[in-house]
Amino acid sequence: FFLSLKLEKKTKGKLQKQICQVVLDHFEKQYTAELGDAWTSVRDVLTSPWCWQHAVLLNRFSQSPGLESSLAEQGYHPAFPAALPYLPAAFRCYSRTAPGRFPAQKHQPGRLKEYYLLNAASLLPVLALEVKDGEGVLDLCAAPGGKSVAILQCACPGCFHCNEYDDLRSRWLEQTIESFIPDPLINLITVSKLDGRQIGDLQPEFYDKVLVDAPCSNDRSWLFSADPQQAVLRLMQRKELSSLQFQLLRSAVKALRPGGSLVYSTCTLSKAENSDVINLMLNSCSNVMPVDISGMARGVSQEFTLLSGVQQHELLVLPEKGRAWGPMYVAKLKKVFST
């Protein structure tokens, strides 16, 4: 016991040194104003990687005898309740309250991985999207590929377009798909490196469902920016992100057929990148309307800590000790007619 305590203290000290003070100071000011008292407990989790949790999303395309019983033995339980409005039978994800990570599997060409390790909150945009078999689906900012893989655990789209503008991240996306999806299904997937802001013009009213997991100021990773100069640059560029996010959303709406729906998500707490972007979209585009996701929010409230007082078409997961998921913002919109 004393040895583990000693190790924990040593780890804490080591990790504490890596926190980027410039970013923490910036967040302290912004999120105290935006979240009030809730920020204190959120900050404690974000600055304490030793208390972070990881969920295990099982791959329905890979046989893994004994994996579920092994997870149960280690204290894992199904992460999402069966009562959710949308939870396909093939979608199996496990989590536990204890911190730590299940062993990762290495990429081996020609061999499918049995599971994907991720922050459980990052699956909420996928469950909100409610993909059904045969639908045309676009994942506009798809790398590293976890949400693309999760969509394919839910349904078999008629066509599936995974886009990633960044060259390095696009290669990462391709490898993820290769690691989890079998050959016959891979033929249904198109991976592109287009500027997401142009896809709506290139493929107008083509898709039934669009996921916009937008580039954002990733609160978790930014707090551990190793280079203070890079951190300062990131914080300066942060103001421009909401403009990019809005443009990506507009492109997504153009790419949607009338009656189709989109989910917008980020992994930041920032109001400017979350509800402000969605409100601008709703106020400036007459052909989109909000979709109520409060049923899903109620369903997952046992597993996740959610910010109260948000609109019915959105939710924000706040990291908390023992439920260290998020940050994850999710909002859902529907296209009602052509423009």
Foldseek 3Di string as FASTA:
>chain_A
DVVVVVVLVVVLVVLLVLFQPVLVVVCVVQCCVVPPPLVVQLVVLLSRLQLAWKKKWFFLVDDDPPPVVVCVVVAKDFQFDPQFPADAPLTTMITHLGHDDDDDDDQDQPEADGIDIGQVLVQVQLRVQRDEEAFEEEALAQPLPPSVSNNVSRYQYVAYEYEHQDPVRLVNNVSNCSRRPDDVSVVRYHYYNDLLLCQLVVAFQAGQEYEDADDADQSSVLRSPNDNVVSVVCVVCRLVRLVSSLSSVVSVLRNHHAFGKYKYKYQDPDCSNAVVSVVVVVVPDVQKDWDFNVSNVVRNVVQFPWRPDDDRQKIATRAGRSNGGTRMIMGMMGGHHHD
